[in-house]
Amino acid sequence: MSEICQTLKEVLENSQVKTALNVVKTNLPETIEIQKELVLIEAPTGHEETRSKRYKELLKSVGLNDVESDEHNNVWGWIRGSEKKGNCVLLEGHLDTVFSFGDVKEIIEGADGKLHCPGICDDTRAIAANLAVAKALIDSGIKPFYDIVIGATVREEGLGGMCGMKWILEDLSKKNHIVATVSIDGPTAVDFYANATGMVDWDVIFSGPGGHAWTAFKTPSAIHAAARAVAMISDLCLPEDPKTTITVSLIEGGQAIHGIAQQASFKINARSNSQVELNKLNEE
């Protein structure tokens, strides 16, 4: 981490970088307008098509080369570097939001100047910010050493399980060596994570014969089985370092208060800063 901090300090002292940062500040009103436009293009996970098409147009408008998209609606463009050996750095944000169609109706500006709208932060701010970065690099004349890829990915939220990121990395790695990836996400510009946290989502379904709660008593209940499984999950011992987490985030089931549940389901979110520990957790 200290090496990263020292590198950032040296980069910020570079005169061209200072120029680029001034471009970002100057263009802030334009960036906000783009953010407001994009947030009104609803993009629930798995339905990012319209926002992806518009973002592709915006990537072209800031001057990126070879702007392309895939069959999943990931979209990206290039700032070519001087090395010319197929090495690249990916700067990415995700297109989808956690909100359903119809949730986004308007943008409300508060008395404090803050903008309020479902999805305006996570992750619409990131894809607007990445456009600002691309424009600043190009307008300030910075020639990077490695190629820089500015991208927007699909299916980050919910059971999308960051599939969009997986797909874009697979596509890029066919012809390039990916030196590093940088993703913008979250509510603030205060927290930075210099690692690659792995994540797995599970959708677990229990089924049983069902029956009346009185006359079919002792018939196995899907809810009872699911509840026992959740209790076992909560008792798993996880390492604090590397940080590893698991939570049962959604649970539902049953069909009537007087009925033995025929079906129950729950969803699990598991994460770790170690692929080894994540594999262990998956096995458990």
Protein backbone atom coordinates (compact mmCIF):
# COMPACT_ATOMS: atom_id res chain seq x y z
CA MET A 1 0.00 0.00 0.00
CA SER A 2 2.86 2.41 0.82
CA GLU A 3 4.26 1.94 -2.69
CA ILE A 4 0.89 2.82 -4.21
CA CYS A 5 0.63 5.95 -2.05
CA GLN A 6 4.15 7.03 -3.00
CA THR A 7 3.45 6.46 -6.69
CA LEU A 8 0.25 8.51 -6.51
CA LYS A 9 2.14 11.32 -4.79
CA GLU A 10 4.73 11.40 -7.57
CA VAL A 11 2.06 11.27 -10.28
CA LEU A 12 0.19 14.21 -8.75
CA GLU A 13 3.35 16.31 -8.93
CA ASN A 14 3.60 15.78 -12.69
CA SER A 15 2.80 18.97 -14.61
CA GLN A 16 0.75 17.18 -17.29
CA VAL A 17 -1.29 15.42 -14.63
CA LYS A 18 -1.96 18.76 -12.93
CA THR A 19 -3.19 20.08 -16.28
CA ALA A 20 -5.46 17.06 -16.70
CA LEU A 21 -6.92 17.52 -13.21
CA ASN A 22 -7.68 21.15 -14.04
CA VAL A 23 -9.50 19.95 -17.15
CA VAL A 24 -11.61 17.67 -14.94
CA LYS A 25 -12.49 20.59 -12.65
CA THR A 26 -13.28 22.90 -15.56
CA ASN A 27 -15.53 20.30 -17.16
CA LEU A 28 -17.35 19.42 -13.93
CA PRO A 29 -20.68 21.07 -14.92
CA GLU A 30 -20.65 19.11 -18.20
CA THR A 31 -19.85 15.88 -16.32
CA ILE A 32 -22.79 16.47 -13.97
CA GLU A 33 -25.12 16.98 -16.93
CA ILE A 34 -23.96 13.70 -18.46
CA GLN A 35 -24.51 11.99 -15.11
CA LYS A 36 -28.05 13.38 -14.96
CA GLU A 37 -28.76 12.22 -18.52
CA LEU A 38 -27.47 8.71 -17.88
CA VAL A 39 -29.32 8.16 -14.59
CA LEU A 40 -32.63 8.78 -16.36
CA ILE A 41 -31.84 5.92 -18.76
CA GLU A 42 -33.01 3.07 -16.55
CA ALA A 43 -30.71 0.05 -16.50
CA PRO A 44 -31.78 -2.73 -14.12
CA THR A 45 -29.35 -5.63 -14.03
CA GLY A 46 -29.73 -7.58 -17.26
CA HIS A 47 -31.40 -4.68 -19.07
CA GLU A 48 -28.52 -2.33 -19.80
CA GLU A 49 -28.99 -2.15 -23.59
CA THR A 50 -30.24 1.44 -23.93
CA ARG A 51 -27.74 2.93 -21.50
CA SER A 52 -24.94 0.94 -23.14
CA LYS A 53 -25.78 2.34 -26.59
CA ARG A 54 -25.77 5.90 -25.29
CA TYR A 55 -22.51 5.35 -23.42
CA LYS A 56 -20.91 4.04 -26.59
CA GLU A 57 -21.82 7.32 -28.30
CA LEU A 58 -20.34 9.28 -25.39
CA LEU A 59 -17.07 7.32 -25.49
CA LYS A 60 -16.73 8.22 -29.15
CA SER A 61 -17.58 11.86 -28.48
CA VAL A 62 -14.65 12.34 -26.06
CA GLY A 63 -12.21 11.05 -28.68
CA LEU A 64 -11.52 7.43 -27.74
CA ASN A 65 -10.20 5.06 -30.39
CA ASP A 66 -11.69 1.73 -31.46
CA VAL A 67 -14.85 2.00 -29.37
CA GLU A 68 -16.55 -1.39 -29.27
CA SER A 69 -19.19 -3.42 -27.46
CA ASP A 70 -19.93 -7.11 -26.98
CA GLU A 71 -23.03 -9.26 -27.10
CA HIS A 72 -23.62 -8.67 -23.37
CA ASN A 73 -23.69 -4.85 -23.80
CA ASN A 74 -20.31 -4.22 -22.20
CA VAL A 75 -18.77 -1.22 -23.98
CA TRP A 76 -15.24 0.19 -24.04
CA GLY A 77 -12.77 2.36 -25.94
CA TRP A 78 -9.01 2.92 -26.08
CA ILE A 79 -6.40 5.56 -25.38
CA ARG A 80 -3.38 4.08 -27.09
CA GLY A 81 -0.07 4.13 -25.21
CA SER A 82 3.49 4.50 -26.40
CA GLU A 83 4.65 1.01 -25.42
CA LYS A 84 2.72 -0.75 -28.21
CA LYS A 85 3.22 -4.24 -26.79
CA GLY A 86 -0.35 -5.15 -25.93
CA ASN A 87 -0.27 -4.16 -22.27
CA CYS A 88 -3.26 -2.24 -20.96
CA VAL A 89 -4.90 -0.77 -17.87
CA LEU A 90 -8.68 -0.93 -17.52
CA LEU A 91 -10.66 1.92 -15.93
CA GLU A 92 -14.21 0.67 -15.36
CA GLY A 93 -17.61 1.41 -13.88
CA HIS A 94 -20.82 -0.59 -14.15
CA LEU A 95 -23.90 0.34 -16.17
CA ASP A 96 -26.58 -1.42 -14.16
CA THR A 97 -28.34 -0.26 -11.00
CA VAL A 98 -30.23 -2.10 -8.26
CA PHE A 99 -33.48 -0.38 -9.19
CA SER A 100 -36.37 -1.78 -11.25
CA PHE A 101 -38.01 -0.18 -14.27
CA GLY A 102 -40.31 2.60 -13.10
CA ASP A 103 -38.30 3.47 -9.98
CA VAL A 104 -36.52 6.36 -11.70
CA LYS A 105 -38.94 9.23 -12.28
CA GLU A 106 -37.05 12.48 -11.76
CA ILE A 107 -33.94 14.11 -10.38
CA ILE A 108 -34.48 16.27 -7.31
CA GLU A 109 -31.90 18.84 -6.27
CA GLY A 110 -31.82 19.47 -2.56
CA ALA A 111 -31.23 22.80 -0.84
CA ASP A 112 -27.64 21.73 -0.27
CA GLY A 113 -27.12 21.21 -4.00
CA LYS A 114 -27.07 17.43 -3.76
CA LEU A 115 -28.82 15.48 -6.50
CA HIS A 116 -31.28 12.77 -5.48
CA CYS A 117 -32.37 10.02 -7.85
CA PRO A 118 -32.29 6.20 -7.67
CA GLY A 119 -28.93 5.06 -9.07
CA ILE A 120 -27.35 8.50 -9.42
CA CYS A 121 -24.41 7.42 -7.28
CA ASP A 122 -24.08 3.66 -7.72
CA ASP A 123 -22.81 3.52 -10.34
CA THR A 124 -23.89 6.32 -12.69
CA ARG A 125 -21.40 8.66 -11.09
CA ALA A 126 -18.57 6.31 -12.01
CA ILE A 127 -19.36 6.04 -15.70
CA ALA A 128 -19.74 9.82 -15.91
CA ALA A 129 -16.45 10.27 -14.04
CA ASN A 130 -14.65 7.85 -16.35
CA LEU A 131 -15.72 9.91 -19.34
CA ALA A 132 -14.26 12.95 -17.59
CA VAL A 133 -10.98 11.10 -17.06
CA ALA A 134 -10.82 10.09 -20.72
CA LYS A 135 -11.53 13.62 -21.90
CA ALA A 136 -8.94 15.09 -19.51
CA LEU A 137 -6.23 12.67 -20.67
CA ILE A 138 -6.92 13.39 -24.33
CA ASP A 139 -7.38 17.17 -24.01
CA SER A 140 -4.25 17.60 -21.89
CA GLY A 141 -2.14 15.65 -24.38
CA ILE A 142 -0.96 12.99 -21.95
CA LYS A 143 0.53 10.01 -23.76
CA PRO A 144 0.33 7.01 -21.44
CA PHE A 145 2.93 4.24 -21.54
CA TYR A 146 0.41 1.41 -21.49
CA ASP A 147 -2.86 1.43 -23.43
CA ILE A 148 -5.75 2.67 -21.29
CA VAL A 149 -9.17 1.10 -21.72
CA ILE A 150 -12.17 3.10 -20.54
CA GLY A 151 -15.07 0.69 -20.06
CA ALA A 152 -18.59 0.26 -18.71
CA THR A 153 -19.76 -3.19 -17.71
CA VAL A 154 -23.09 -4.94 -17.21
CA ARG A 155 -24.51 -7.27 -14.55
CA GLU A 156 -22.58 -6.06 -11.52
CA GLU A 157 -25.50 -5.88 -9.10
CA GLY A 158 -27.53 -8.65 -7.49
CA LEU A 159 -27.32 -12.07 -9.08
CA GLY A 160 -25.49 -10.44 -11.96
CA GLY A 161 -22.53 -11.33 -9.78
CA MET A 162 -20.05 -9.04 -11.60
CA CYS A 163 -20.39 -11.14 -14.76
CA GLY A 164 -19.87 -8.07 -16.94
CA MET A 165 -16.44 -7.51 -15.42
CA LYS A 166 -15.57 -11.16 -15.98
CA TRP A 167 -16.64 -10.97 -19.64
CA ILE A 168 -14.71 -7.78 -20.43
CA LEU A 169 -11.55 -9.17 -18.81
CA GLU A 170 -11.90 -12.36 -20.84
CA ASP A 171 -12.33 -10.37 -24.06
CA LEU A 172 -9.41 -8.04 -23.39
CA SER A 173 -7.07 -10.83 -22.30
CA LYS A 174 -7.44 -12.63 -25.64
CA LYS A 175 -5.20 -10.03 -27.28
CA ASN A 176 -3.75 -8.04 -24.39
CA HIS A 177 -1.98 -8.39 -21.07
CA ILE A 178 -4.04 -6.58 -18.44
CA VAL A 179 -1.55 -4.88 -16.14
CA ALA A 180 -4.14 -3.53 -13.72
CA THR A 181 -7.80 -2.66 -13.34
CA VAL A 182 -9.31 0.34 -11.58
CA SER A 183 -13.02 0.37 -10.74
CA ILE A 184 -14.97 3.33 -9.42
CA ASP A 185 -17.91 2.41 -7.18
CA GLY A 186 -19.41 3.32 -3.85
CA PRO A 187 -20.73 6.48 -2.24
CA THR A 188 -17.59 8.51 -1.55
CA ALA A 189 -14.17 9.46 -2.87
CA VAL A 190 -12.64 8.82 0.55
CA ASP A 191 -12.20 5.03 0.57
CA PHE A 192 -9.77 3.20 -1.71
CA TYR A 193 -9.23 -0.55 -1.91
CA ALA A 194 -5.98 -1.82 -3.36
CA ASN A 195 -6.99 -5.43 -3.81
CA ALA A 196 -9.25 -7.69 -5.82
CA THR A 197 -12.12 -8.95 -3.68
CA GLY A 198 -13.71 -12.11 -5.07
CA MET A 199 -17.46 -12.63 -4.86
CA VAL A 200 -19.86 -15.50 -5.36
CA ASP A 201 -23.67 -15.40 -5.17
CA TRP A 202 -25.79 -18.46 -4.51
CA ASP A 203 -29.51 -18.95 -5.13
CA VAL A 204 -30.62 -21.89 -2.97
CA ILE A 205 -34.00 -23.60 -3.43
CA PHE A 206 -35.58 -26.26 -1.18
CA SER A 207 -38.62 -28.28 -2.30
CA GLY A 208 -40.86 -30.68 -0.38
CA PRO A 209 -44.20 -32.51 -0.63
CA GLY A 210 -46.20 -29.97 1.38
CA GLY A 211 -49.46 -30.70 3.14
CA HIS A 212 -51.76 -29.35 5.84
CA ALA A 213 -50.01 -28.12 8.97
CA TRP A 214 -52.30 -30.28 11.18
CA THR A 215 -53.16 -33.38 9.18
CA ALA A 216 -49.76 -33.76 7.52
CA PHE A 217 -47.70 -32.91 10.60
CA LYS A 218 -44.13 -34.30 10.47
CA THR A 219 -44.08 -34.05 6.68
CA PRO A 220 -40.76 -32.34 5.84
CA SER A 221 -41.09 -28.57 5.42
CA ALA A 222 -39.00 -26.69 2.88
CA ILE A 223 -38.90 -23.69 5.23
CA HIS A 224 -37.64 -25.78 8.14
CA ALA A 225 -34.89 -27.20 5.94
CA ALA A 226 -33.93 -23.76 4.64
CA ALA A 227 -33.88 -22.32 8.17
CA ARG A 228 -31.59 -25.09 9.39
CA ALA A 229 -29.25 -24.46 6.46
CA VAL A 230 -29.18 -20.72 7.22
CA ALA A 231 -28.33 -21.45 10.85
CA MET A 232 -25.43 -23.68 9.74
CA ILE A 233 -24.16 -20.93 7.44
CA SER A 234 -24.23 -18.39 10.27
CA ASP A 235 -22.02 -20.73 12.34
CA LEU A 236 -19.26 -20.97 9.76
CA CYS A 237 -15.86 -19.80 11.05
CA LEU A 238 -14.30 -17.27 8.69
CA PRO A 239 -10.86 -15.64 8.79
CA GLU A 240 -10.59 -11.96 9.63
CA ASP A 241 -7.43 -11.69 7.54
CA PRO A 242 -7.77 -12.10 4.63
CA LYS A 243 -11.20 -10.59 5.14
CA THR A 244 -13.88 -13.13 4.23
CA THR A 245 -17.63 -12.63 4.62
CA ILE A 246 -20.90 -14.43 4.03
CA THR A 247 -24.50 -13.39 4.49
CA VAL A 248 -27.90 -14.83 3.70
CA SER A 249 -29.43 -11.71 2.20
CA LEU A 250 -32.91 -12.69 0.99
CA ILE A 251 -35.27 -15.47 2.10
CA GLU A 252 -38.81 -16.41 1.15
CA GLY A 253 -41.11 -19.41 0.96
CA GLY A 254 -44.35 -21.07 1.88
CA GLN A 255 -47.82 -20.65 0.46
CA ALA A 256 -50.26 -20.41 3.39
CA ILE A 257 -50.13 -20.01 7.16
CA HIS A 258 -51.85 -23.37 7.61
CA GLY A 259 -49.70 -25.19 5.08
CA ILE A 260 -46.41 -27.05 5.31
CA ALA A 261 -44.11 -25.21 2.93
CA GLN A 262 -43.59 -26.90 -0.42
CA GLN A 263 -40.81 -24.47 -1.40
CA ALA A 264 -38.38 -22.07 0.23
CA SER A 265 -35.40 -20.21 -1.14
CA PHE A 266 -32.66 -17.92 0.01
CA LYS A 267 -29.75 -16.07 -1.52
CA ILE A 268 -26.17 -15.99 -0.30
CA ASN A 269 -23.48 -13.40 -0.90
CA ALA A 270 -19.93 -14.61 -0.16
CA ARG A 271 -16.75 -12.55 -0.54
CA SER A 272 -13.07 -12.79 0.23
CA ASN A 273 -9.81 -10.99 -0.46
CA SER A 274 -8.28 -14.45 -1.00
CA GLN A 275 -9.23 -16.79 -3.81
CA VAL A 276 -8.07 -19.71 -1.62
CA GLU A 277 -10.39 -18.71 1.21
CA LEU A 278 -13.27 -18.08 -1.19
CA ASN A 279 -12.79 -21.57 -2.62
CA LYS A 280 -12.82 -23.02 0.92
CA LEU A 281 -15.99 -21.11 1.72
CA ASN A 282 -17.66 -22.37 -1.43
CA GLU A 283 -16.78 -25.94 -0.47
CA GLU A 284 -18.24 -25.48 3.00
